[in-house]
Amino acid sequence: DQASFPSGHSSGAAVFATMTSKNID
């Protein structure tokens, strides 16, 4: 299909990781 950019999986993993890191602070 034409839904290559950007990656939804990568953005989802990154937003989870960033918020988790902020919470760990």
mmCIF file of all heavy atoms, coordinates in Angstrom:
data_MODEL
# 
_entry.id   MODEL 
# 
loop_
_atom_site.group_PDB 
_atom_site.id 
_atom_site.type_symbol 
_atom_site.label_atom_id 
_atom_site.label_alt_id 
_atom_site.label_comp_id 
_atom_site.label_asym_id 
_atom_site.label_entity_id 
_atom_site.label_seq_id 
_atom_site.pdbx_PDB_ins_code 
_atom_site.Cartn_x 
_atom_site.Cartn_y 
_atom_site.Cartn_z 
_atom_site.occupancy 
_atom_site.B_iso_or_equiv 
_atom_site.pdbx_formal_charge 
_atom_site.auth_seq_id 
_atom_site.auth_comp_id 
_atom_site.auth_asym_id 
_atom_site.auth_atom_id 
_atom_site.pdbx_PDB_model_num 
ATOM 1   N N   . ASP A 1 1  ? 0.853  -1.189 0.000  1.00 0.00 ? 1  ASP A N   1 
ATOM 2   C CA  . ASP A 1 1  ? 0.000  0.000  0.000  1.00 0.00 ? 1  ASP A CA  1 
ATOM 3   C C   . ASP A 1 1  ? 0.884  1.232  0.000  1.00 0.00 ? 1  ASP A C   1 
ATOM 4   O O   . ASP A 1 1  ? 2.110  1.136  -0.133 1.00 0.00 ? 1  ASP A O   1 
ATOM 5   C CB  . ASP A 1 1  ? -0.956 -0.007 1.202  1.00 0.00 ? 1  ASP A CB  1 
ATOM 6   C CG  . ASP A 1 1  ? -0.232 -0.126 2.539  1.00 0.00 ? 1  ASP A CG  1 
ATOM 7   O OD1 . ASP A 1 1  ? 0.854  0.479  2.679  1.00 0.00 ? 1  ASP A OD1 1 
ATOM 8   O OD2 . ASP A 1 1  ? -0.740 -0.821 3.437  1.00 0.00 ? 1  ASP A OD2 1 
ATOM 9   N N   . GLN A 1 2  ? 0.245  2.413  0.141  1.00 0.00 ? 2  GLN A N   1 
ATOM 10  C CA  . GLN A 1 2  ? 0.986  3.676  0.142  1.00 0.00 ? 2  GLN A CA  1 
ATOM 11  C C   . GLN A 1 2  ? 1.033  4.286  1.539  1.00 0.00 ? 2  GLN A C   1 
ATOM 12  O O   . GLN A 1 2  ? 0.801  5.483  1.725  1.00 0.00 ? 2  GLN A O   1 
ATOM 13  C CB  . GLN A 1 2  ? 0.339  4.664  -0.838 1.00 0.00 ? 2  GLN A CB  1 
ATOM 14  C CG  . GLN A 1 2  ? 0.598  4.365  -2.308 1.00 0.00 ? 2  GLN A CG  1 
ATOM 15  C CD  . GLN A 1 2  ? -0.131 3.133  -2.807 1.00 0.00 ? 2  GLN A CD  1 
ATOM 16  O OE1 . GLN A 1 2  ? -1.332 2.974  -2.568 1.00 0.00 ? 2  GLN A OE1 1 
ATOM 17  N NE2 . GLN A 1 2  ? 0.581  2.251  -3.491 1.00 0.00 ? 2  GLN A NE2 1 
ATOM 18  N N   . ALA A 1 3  ? 1.311  3.475  2.544  1.00 0.00 ? 3  ALA A N   1 
ATOM 19  C CA  . ALA A 1 3  ? 1.351  3.956  3.932  1.00 0.00 ? 3  ALA A CA  1 
ATOM 20  C C   . ALA A 1 3  ? 2.709  3.680  4.563  1.00 0.00 ? 3  ALA A C   1 
ATOM 21  O O   . ALA A 1 3  ? 2.799  3.305  5.728  1.00 0.00 ? 3  ALA A O   1 
ATOM 22  C CB  . ALA A 1 3  ? 0.235  3.295  4.746  1.00 0.00 ? 3  ALA A CB  1 
ATOM 23  N N   . SER A 1 4  ? 3.769  3.885  3.797  1.00 0.00 ? 4  SER A N   1 
ATOM 24  C CA  . SER A 1 4  ? 5.101  3.541  4.284  1.00 0.00 ? 4  SER A CA  1 
ATOM 25  C C   . SER A 1 4  ? 5.687  4.584  5.227  1.00 0.00 ? 4  SER A C   1 
ATOM 26  O O   . SER A 1 4  ? 6.350  4.236  6.202  1.00 0.00 ? 4  SER A O   1 
ATOM 27  C CB  . SER A 1 4  ? 6.054  3.339  3.099  1.00 0.00 ? 4  SER A CB  1 
ATOM 28  O OG  . SER A 1 4  ? 7.303  2.836  3.529  1.00 0.00 ? 4  SER A OG  1 
ATOM 29  N N   . PHE A 1 5  ? 5.434  5.866  4.947  1.00 0.00 ? 5  PHE A N   1 
ATOM 30  C CA  . PHE A 1 5  ? 6.087  6.936  5.723  1.00 0.00 ? 5  PHE A CA  1 
ATOM 31  C C   . PHE A 1 5  ? 5.078  7.710  6.560  1.00 0.00 ? 5  PHE A C   1 
ATOM 32  O O   . PHE A 1 5  ? 4.082  8.200  6.021  1.00 0.00 ? 5  PHE A O   1 
ATOM 33  C CB  . PHE A 1 5  ? 6.780  7.917  4.770  1.00 0.00 ? 5  PHE A CB  1 
ATOM 34  C CG  . PHE A 1 5  ? 7.536  9.006  5.475  1.00 0.00 ? 5  PHE A CG  1 
ATOM 35  C CD1 . PHE A 1 5  ? 8.869  8.831  5.799  1.00 0.00 ? 5  PHE A CD1 1 
ATOM 36  C CD2 . PHE A 1 5  ? 6.915  10.197 5.807  1.00 0.00 ? 5  PHE A CD2 1 
ATOM 37  C CE1 . PHE A 1 5  ? 9.573  9.853  6.443  1.00 0.00 ? 5  PHE A CE1 1 
ATOM 38  C CE2 . PHE A 1 5  ? 7.607  11.206 6.454  1.00 0.00 ? 5  PHE A CE2 1 
ATOM 39  C CZ  . PHE A 1 5  ? 8.938  11.029 6.773  1.00 0.00 ? 5  PHE A CZ  1 
ATOM 40  N N   . PRO A 1 6  ? 5.350  7.825  7.868  1.00 0.00 ? 6  PRO A N   1 
ATOM 41  C CA  . PRO A 1 6  ? 6.397  7.181  8.658  1.00 0.00 ? 6  PRO A CA  1 
ATOM 42  C C   . PRO A 1 6  ? 5.912  5.862  9.240  1.00 0.00 ? 6  PRO A C   1 
ATOM 43  O O   . PRO A 1 6  ? 4.746  5.492  9.063  1.00 0.00 ? 6  PRO A O   1 
ATOM 44  C CB  . PRO A 1 6  ? 6.650  8.201  9.766  1.00 0.00 ? 6  PRO A CB  1 
ATOM 45  C CG  . PRO A 1 6  ? 5.292  8.825  9.981  1.00 0.00 ? 6  PRO A CG  1 
ATOM 46  C CD  . PRO A 1 6  ? 4.612  8.849  8.640  1.00 0.00 ? 6  PRO A CD  1 
ATOM 47  N N   . SER A 1 7  ? 6.776  5.171  9.960  1.00 0.00 ? 7  SER A N   1 
ATOM 48  C CA  . SER A 1 7  ? 6.419  3.884  10.560 1.00 0.00 ? 7  SER A CA  1 
ATOM 49  C C   . SER A 1 7  ? 5.608  4.079  11.835 1.00 0.00 ? 7  SER A C   1 
ATOM 50  O O   . SER A 1 7  ? 6.054  4.732  12.778 1.00 0.00 ? 7  SER A O   1 
ATOM 51  C CB  . SER A 1 7  ? 7.693  3.098  10.882 1.00 0.00 ? 7  SER A CB  1 
ATOM 52  O OG  . SER A 1 7  ? 7.417  2.015  11.745 1.00 0.00 ? 7  SER A OG  1 
ATOM 53  N N   . GLY A 1 8  ? 4.415  3.489  11.862 1.00 0.00 ? 8  GLY A N   1 
ATOM 54  C CA  . GLY A 1 8  ? 3.572  3.575  13.051 1.00 0.00 ? 8  GLY A CA  1 
ATOM 55  C C   . GLY A 1 8  ? 4.120  2.761  14.208 1.00 0.00 ? 8  GLY A C   1 
ATOM 56  O O   . GLY A 1 8  ? 4.035  3.181  15.369 1.00 0.00 ? 8  GLY A O   1 
ATOM 57  N N   . HIS A 1 9  ? 4.686  1.581  13.913 1.00 0.00 ? 9  HIS A N   1 
ATOM 58  C CA  . HIS A 1 9  ? 5.274  0.761  14.977 1.00 0.00 ? 9  HIS A CA  1 
ATOM 59  C C   . HIS A 1 9  ? 6.435  1.488  15.650 1.00 0.00 ? 9  HIS A C   1 
ATOM 60  O O   . HIS A 1 9  ? 6.552  1.491  16.879 1.00 0.00 ? 9  HIS A O   1 
ATOM 61  C CB  . HIS A 1 9  ? 5.762  -0.575 14.413 1.00 0.00 ? 9  HIS A CB  1 
ATOM 62  C CG  . HIS A 1 9  ? 4.703  -1.609 14.259 1.00 0.00 ? 9  HIS A CG  1 
ATOM 63  N ND1 . HIS A 1 9  ? 3.697  -1.516 13.318 1.00 0.00 ? 9  HIS A ND1 1 
ATOM 64  C CD2 . HIS A 1 9  ? 4.486  -2.785 14.929 1.00 0.00 ? 9  HIS A CD2 1 
ATOM 65  C CE1 . HIS A 1 9  ? 2.913  -2.569 13.400 1.00 0.00 ? 9  HIS A CE1 1 
ATOM 66  N NE2 . HIS A 1 9  ? 3.356  -3.353 14.371 1.00 0.00 ? 9  HIS A NE2 1 
ATOM 67  N N   . SER A 1 10 ? 7.296  2.096  14.839 1.00 0.00 ? 10 SER A N   1 
ATOM 68  C CA  . SER A 1 10 ? 8.460  2.789  15.397 1.00 0.00 ? 10 SER A CA  1 
ATOM 69  C C   . SER A 1 10 ? 8.050  3.995  16.222 1.00 0.00 ? 10 SER A C   1 
ATOM 70  O O   . SER A 1 10 ? 8.610  4.251  17.296 1.00 0.00 ? 10 SER A O   1 
ATOM 71  C CB  . SER A 1 10 ? 9.402  3.226  14.266 1.00 0.00 ? 10 SER A CB  1 
ATOM 72  O OG  . SER A 1 10 ? 9.860  2.117  13.536 1.00 0.00 ? 10 SER A OG  1 
ATOM 73  N N   . SER A 1 11 ? 7.090  4.764  15.736 1.00 0.00 ? 11 SER A N   1 
ATOM 74  C CA  . SER A 1 11 ? 6.628  5.931  16.492 1.00 0.00 ? 11 SER A CA  1 
ATOM 75  C C   . SER A 1 11 ? 5.950  5.496  17.784 1.00 0.00 ? 11 SER A C   1 
ATOM 76  O O   . SER A 1 11 ? 6.126  6.126  18.829 1.00 0.00 ? 11 SER A O   1 
ATOM 77  C CB  . SER A 1 11 ? 5.676  6.773  15.642 1.00 0.00 ? 11 SER A CB  1 
ATOM 78  O OG  . SER A 1 11 ? 4.555  6.023  15.231 1.00 0.00 ? 11 SER A OG  1 
ATOM 79  N N   . GLY A 1 12 ? 5.192  4.398  17.737 1.00 0.00 ? 12 GLY A N   1 
ATOM 80  C CA  . GLY A 1 12 ? 4.545  3.900  18.942 1.00 0.00 ? 12 GLY A CA  1 
ATOM 81  C C   . GLY A 1 12 ? 5.551  3.433  19.979 1.00 0.00 ? 12 GLY A C   1 
ATOM 82  O O   . GLY A 1 12 ? 5.437  3.752  21.172 1.00 0.00 ? 12 GLY A O   1 
ATOM 83  N N   . ALA A 1 13 ? 6.564  2.663  19.542 1.00 0.00 ? 13 ALA A N   1 
ATOM 84  C CA  . ALA A 1 13 ? 7.593  2.197  20.473 1.00 0.00 ? 13 ALA A CA  1 
ATOM 85  C C   . ALA A 1 13 ? 8.358  3.374  21.060 1.00 0.00 ? 13 ALA A C   1 
ATOM 86  O O   . ALA A 1 13 ? 8.698  3.383  22.252 1.00 0.00 ? 13 ALA A O   1 
ATOM 87  C CB  . ALA A 1 13 ? 8.549  1.248  19.757 1.00 0.00 ? 13 ALA A CB  1 
ATOM 88  N N   . ALA A 1 14 ? 8.628  4.402  20.236 1.00 0.00 ? 14 ALA A N   1 
ATOM 89  C CA  . ALA A 1 14 ? 9.382  5.558  20.711 1.00 0.00 ? 14 ALA A CA  1 
ATOM 90  C C   . ALA A 1 14 ? 8.589  6.389  21.708 1.00 0.00 ? 14 ALA A C   1 
ATOM 91  O O   . ALA A 1 14 ? 9.141  6.871  22.705 1.00 0.00 ? 14 ALA A O   1 
ATOM 92  C CB  . ALA A 1 14 ? 9.815  6.425  19.522 1.00 0.00 ? 14 ALA A CB  1 
ATOM 93  N N   . VAL A 1 15 ? 7.306  6.581  21.453 1.00 0.00 ? 15 VAL A N   1 
ATOM 94  C CA  . VAL A 1 15 ? 6.512  7.384  22.386 1.00 0.00 ? 15 VAL A CA  1 
ATOM 95  C C   . VAL A 1 15 ? 6.354  6.649  23.711 1.00 0.00 ? 15 VAL A C   1 
ATOM 96  O O   . VAL A 1 15 ? 6.426  7.262  24.792 1.00 0.00 ? 15 VAL A O   1 
ATOM 97  C CB  . VAL A 1 15 ? 5.138  7.754  21.786 1.00 0.00 ? 15 VAL A CB  1 
ATOM 98  C CG1 . VAL A 1 15 ? 4.165  6.596  21.827 1.00 0.00 ? 15 VAL A CG1 1 
ATOM 99  C CG2 . VAL A 1 15 ? 4.540  8.959  22.500 1.00 0.00 ? 15 VAL A CG2 1 
ATOM 100 N N   . PHE A 1 16 ? 6.188  5.320  23.676 1.00 0.00 ? 16 PHE A N   1 
ATOM 101 C CA  . PHE A 1 16 ? 6.119  4.545  24.917 1.00 0.00 ? 16 PHE A CA  1 
ATOM 102 C C   . PHE A 1 16 ? 7.433  4.634  25.683 1.00 0.00 ? 16 PHE A C   1 
ATOM 103 O O   . PHE A 1 16 ? 7.447  4.841  26.901 1.00 0.00 ? 16 PHE A O   1 
ATOM 104 C CB  . PHE A 1 16 ? 5.798  3.081  24.619 1.00 0.00 ? 16 PHE A CB  1 
ATOM 105 C CG  . PHE A 1 16 ? 4.349  2.812  24.332 1.00 0.00 ? 16 PHE A CG  1 
ATOM 106 C CD1 . PHE A 1 16 ? 3.985  1.954  23.309 1.00 0.00 ? 16 PHE A CD1 1 
ATOM 107 C CD2 . PHE A 1 16 ? 3.351  3.387  25.095 1.00 0.00 ? 16 PHE A CD2 1 
ATOM 108 C CE1 . PHE A 1 16 ? 2.647  1.678  23.046 1.00 0.00 ? 16 PHE A CE1 1 
ATOM 109 C CE2 . PHE A 1 16 ? 2.006  3.127  24.843 1.00 0.00 ? 16 PHE A CE2 1 
ATOM 110 C CZ  . PHE A 1 16 ? 1.662  2.268  23.811 1.00 0.00 ? 16 PHE A CZ  1 
ATOM 111 N N   . ALA A 1 17 ? 8.557  4.472  24.963 1.00 0.00 ? 17 ALA A N   1 
ATOM 112 C CA  . ALA A 1 17 ? 9.867  4.501  25.612 1.00 0.00 ? 17 ALA A CA  1 
ATOM 113 C C   . ALA A 1 17 ? 10.153 5.861  26.227 1.00 0.00 ? 17 ALA A C   1 
ATOM 114 O O   . ALA A 1 17 ? 10.693 5.955  27.336 1.00 0.00 ? 17 ALA A O   1 
ATOM 115 C CB  . ALA A 1 17 ? 10.957 4.140  24.605 1.00 0.00 ? 17 ALA A CB  1 
ATOM 116 N N   . THR A 1 18 ? 9.786  6.922  25.520 1.00 0.00 ? 18 THR A N   1 
ATOM 117 C CA  . THR A 1 18 ? 10.039 8.276  26.030 1.00 0.00 ? 18 THR A CA  1 
ATOM 118 C C   . THR A 1 18 ? 9.214  8.559  27.279 1.00 0.00 ? 18 THR A C   1 
ATOM 119 O O   . THR A 1 18 ? 9.727  9.084  28.277 1.00 0.00 ? 18 THR A O   1 
ATOM 120 C CB  . THR A 1 18 ? 9.711  9.315  24.947 1.00 0.00 ? 18 THR A CB  1 
ATOM 121 O OG1 . THR A 1 18 ? 10.518 9.066  23.794 1.00 0.00 ? 18 THR A OG1 1 
ATOM 122 C CG2 . THR A 1 18 ? 9.981  10.724 25.454 1.00 0.00 ? 18 THR A CG2 1 
ATOM 123 N N   . MET A 1 19 ? 7.942  8.215  27.256 1.00 0.00 ? 19 MET A N   1 
ATOM 124 C CA  . MET A 1 19 ? 7.095  8.464  28.423 1.00 0.00 ? 19 MET A CA  1 
ATOM 125 C C   . MET A 1 19 ? 7.514  7.580  29.596 1.00 0.00 ? 19 MET A C   1 
ATOM 126 O O   . MET A 1 19 ? 7.468  8.005  30.755 1.00 0.00 ? 19 MET A O   1 
ATOM 127 C CB  . MET A 1 19 ? 5.627  8.244  28.056 1.00 0.00 ? 19 MET A CB  1 
ATOM 128 C CG  . MET A 1 19 ? 5.108  9.263  27.066 1.00 0.00 ? 19 MET A CG  1 
ATOM 129 S SD  . MET A 1 19 ? 3.315  9.219  26.751 1.00 0.00 ? 19 MET A SD  1 
ATOM 130 C CE  . MET A 1 19 ? 3.117  7.555  26.098 1.00 0.00 ? 19 MET A CE  1 
ATOM 131 N N   . THR A 1 20 ? 7.930  6.340  29.312 1.00 0.00 ? 20 THR A N   1 
ATOM 132 C CA  . THR A 1 20 ? 8.433  5.468  30.375 1.00 0.00 ? 20 THR A CA  1 
ATOM 133 C C   . THR A 1 20 ? 9.675  6.075  31.011 1.00 0.00 ? 20 THR A C   1 
ATOM 134 O O   . THR A 1 20 ? 9.821  6.093  32.237 1.00 0.00 ? 20 THR A O   1 
ATOM 135 C CB  . THR A 1 20 ? 8.773  4.080  29.818 1.00 0.00 ? 20 THR A CB  1 
ATOM 136 O OG1 . THR A 1 20 ? 7.599  3.484  29.265 1.00 0.00 ? 20 THR A OG1 1 
ATOM 137 C CG2 . THR A 1 20 ? 9.315  3.168  30.911 1.00 0.00 ? 20 THR A CG2 1 
ATOM 138 N N   . SER A 1 21 ? 10.591 6.587  30.179 1.00 0.00 ? 21 SER A N   1 
ATOM 139 C CA  . SER A 1 21 ? 11.805 7.211  30.684 1.00 0.00 ? 21 SER A CA  1 
ATOM 140 C C   . SER A 1 21 ? 11.481 8.427  31.545 1.00 0.00 ? 21 SER A C   1 
ATOM 141 O O   . SER A 1 21 ? 12.080 8.635  32.612 1.00 0.00 ? 21 SER A O   1 
ATOM 142 C CB  . SER A 1 21 ? 12.695 7.617  29.511 1.00 0.00 ? 21 SER A CB  1 
ATOM 143 O OG  . SER A 1 21 ? 13.867 8.260  29.962 1.00 0.00 ? 21 SER A OG  1 
ATOM 144 N N   . LYS A 1 22 ? 10.526 9.231  31.107 1.00 0.00 ? 22 LYS A N   1 
ATOM 145 C CA  . LYS A 1 22 ? 10.109 10.400 31.887 1.00 0.00 ? 22 LYS A CA  1 
ATOM 146 C C   . LYS A 1 22 ? 9.520  9.978  33.238 1.00 0.00 ? 22 LYS A C   1 
ATOM 147 O O   . LYS A 1 22 ? 9.764  10.617 34.268 1.00 0.00 ? 22 LYS A O   1 
ATOM 148 C CB  . LYS A 1 22 ? 9.072  11.209 31.105 1.00 0.00 ? 22 LYS A CB  1 
ATOM 149 C CG  . LYS A 1 22 ? 9.604  11.877 29.852 1.00 0.00 ? 22 LYS A CG  1 
ATOM 150 C CD  . LYS A 1 22 ? 10.451 13.081 30.173 1.00 0.00 ? 22 LYS A CD  1 
ATOM 151 C CE  . LYS A 1 22 ? 10.845 13.832 28.922 1.00 0.00 ? 22 LYS A CE  1 
ATOM 152 N NZ  . LYS A 1 22 ? 11.674 15.027 29.233 1.00 0.00 ? 22 LYS A NZ  1 
ATOM 153 N N   . ASN A 1 23 ? 8.743  8.901  33.225 1.00 0.00 ? 23 ASN A N   1 
ATOM 154 C CA  . ASN A 1 23 ? 8.150  8.425  34.474 1.00 0.00 ? 23 ASN A CA  1 
ATOM 155 C C   . ASN A 1 23 ? 9.214  7.887  35.427 1.00 0.00 ? 23 ASN A C   1 
ATOM 156 O O   . ASN A 1 23 ? 9.137  8.087  36.647 1.00 0.00 ? 23 ASN A O   1 
ATOM 157 C CB  . ASN A 1 23 ? 7.119  7.331  34.176 1.00 0.00 ? 23 ASN A CB  1 
ATOM 158 C CG  . ASN A 1 23 ? 5.919  7.858  33.407 1.00 0.00 ? 23 ASN A CG  1 
ATOM 159 O OD1 . ASN A 1 23 ? 5.672  9.068  33.374 1.00 0.00 ? 23 ASN A OD1 1 
ATOM 160 N ND2 . ASN A 1 23 ? 5.165  6.964  32.786 1.00 0.00 ? 23 ASN A ND2 1 
ATOM 161 N N   . ILE A 1 24 ? 10.219 7.199  34.876 1.00 0.00 ? 24 ILE A N   1 
ATOM 162 C CA  . ILE A 1 24 ? 11.297 6.661  35.704 1.00 0.00 ? 24 ILE A CA  1 
ATOM 163 C C   . ILE A 1 24 ? 12.066 7.784  36.398 1.00 0.00 ? 24 ILE A C   1 
ATOM 164 O O   . ILE A 1 24 ? 12.591 7.604  37.503 1.00 0.00 ? 24 ILE A O   1 
ATOM 165 C CB  . ILE A 1 24 ? 12.227 5.780  34.842 1.00 0.00 ? 24 ILE A CB  1 
ATOM 166 C CG1 . ILE A 1 24 ? 11.516 4.458  34.506 1.00 0.00 ? 24 ILE A CG1 1 
ATOM 167 C CG2 . ILE A 1 24 ? 13.545 5.501  35.554 1.00 0.00 ? 24 ILE A CG2 1 
ATOM 168 C CD1 . ILE A 1 24 ? 12.283 3.568  33.547 1.00 0.00 ? 24 ILE A CD1 1 
ATOM 169 N N   . ASP A 1 25 ? 12.118 8.958  35.760 1.00 0.00 ? 25 ASP A N   1 
ATOM 170 C CA  . ASP A 1 25 ? 12.801 10.103 36.377 1.00 0.00 ? 25 ASP A CA  1 
ATOM 171 C C   . ASP A 1 25 ? 12.229 10.459 37.740 1.00 0.00 ? 25 ASP A C   1 
ATOM 172 O O   . ASP A 1 25 ? 12.907 11.090 38.552 1.00 0.00 ? 25 ASP A O   1 
ATOM 173 C CB  . ASP A 1 25 ? 12.705 11.338 35.466 1.00 0.00 ? 25 ASP A CB  1 
ATOM 174 C CG  . ASP A 1 25 ? 13.722 11.299 34.334 1.00 0.00 ? 25 ASP A CG  1 
ATOM 175 O OD1 . ASP A 1 25 ? 14.725 10.572 34.463 1.00 0.00 ? 25 ASP A OD1 1 
ATOM 176 O OD2 . ASP A 1 25 ? 13.495 11.982 33.318 1.00 0.00 ? 25 ASP A OD2 1 
# 
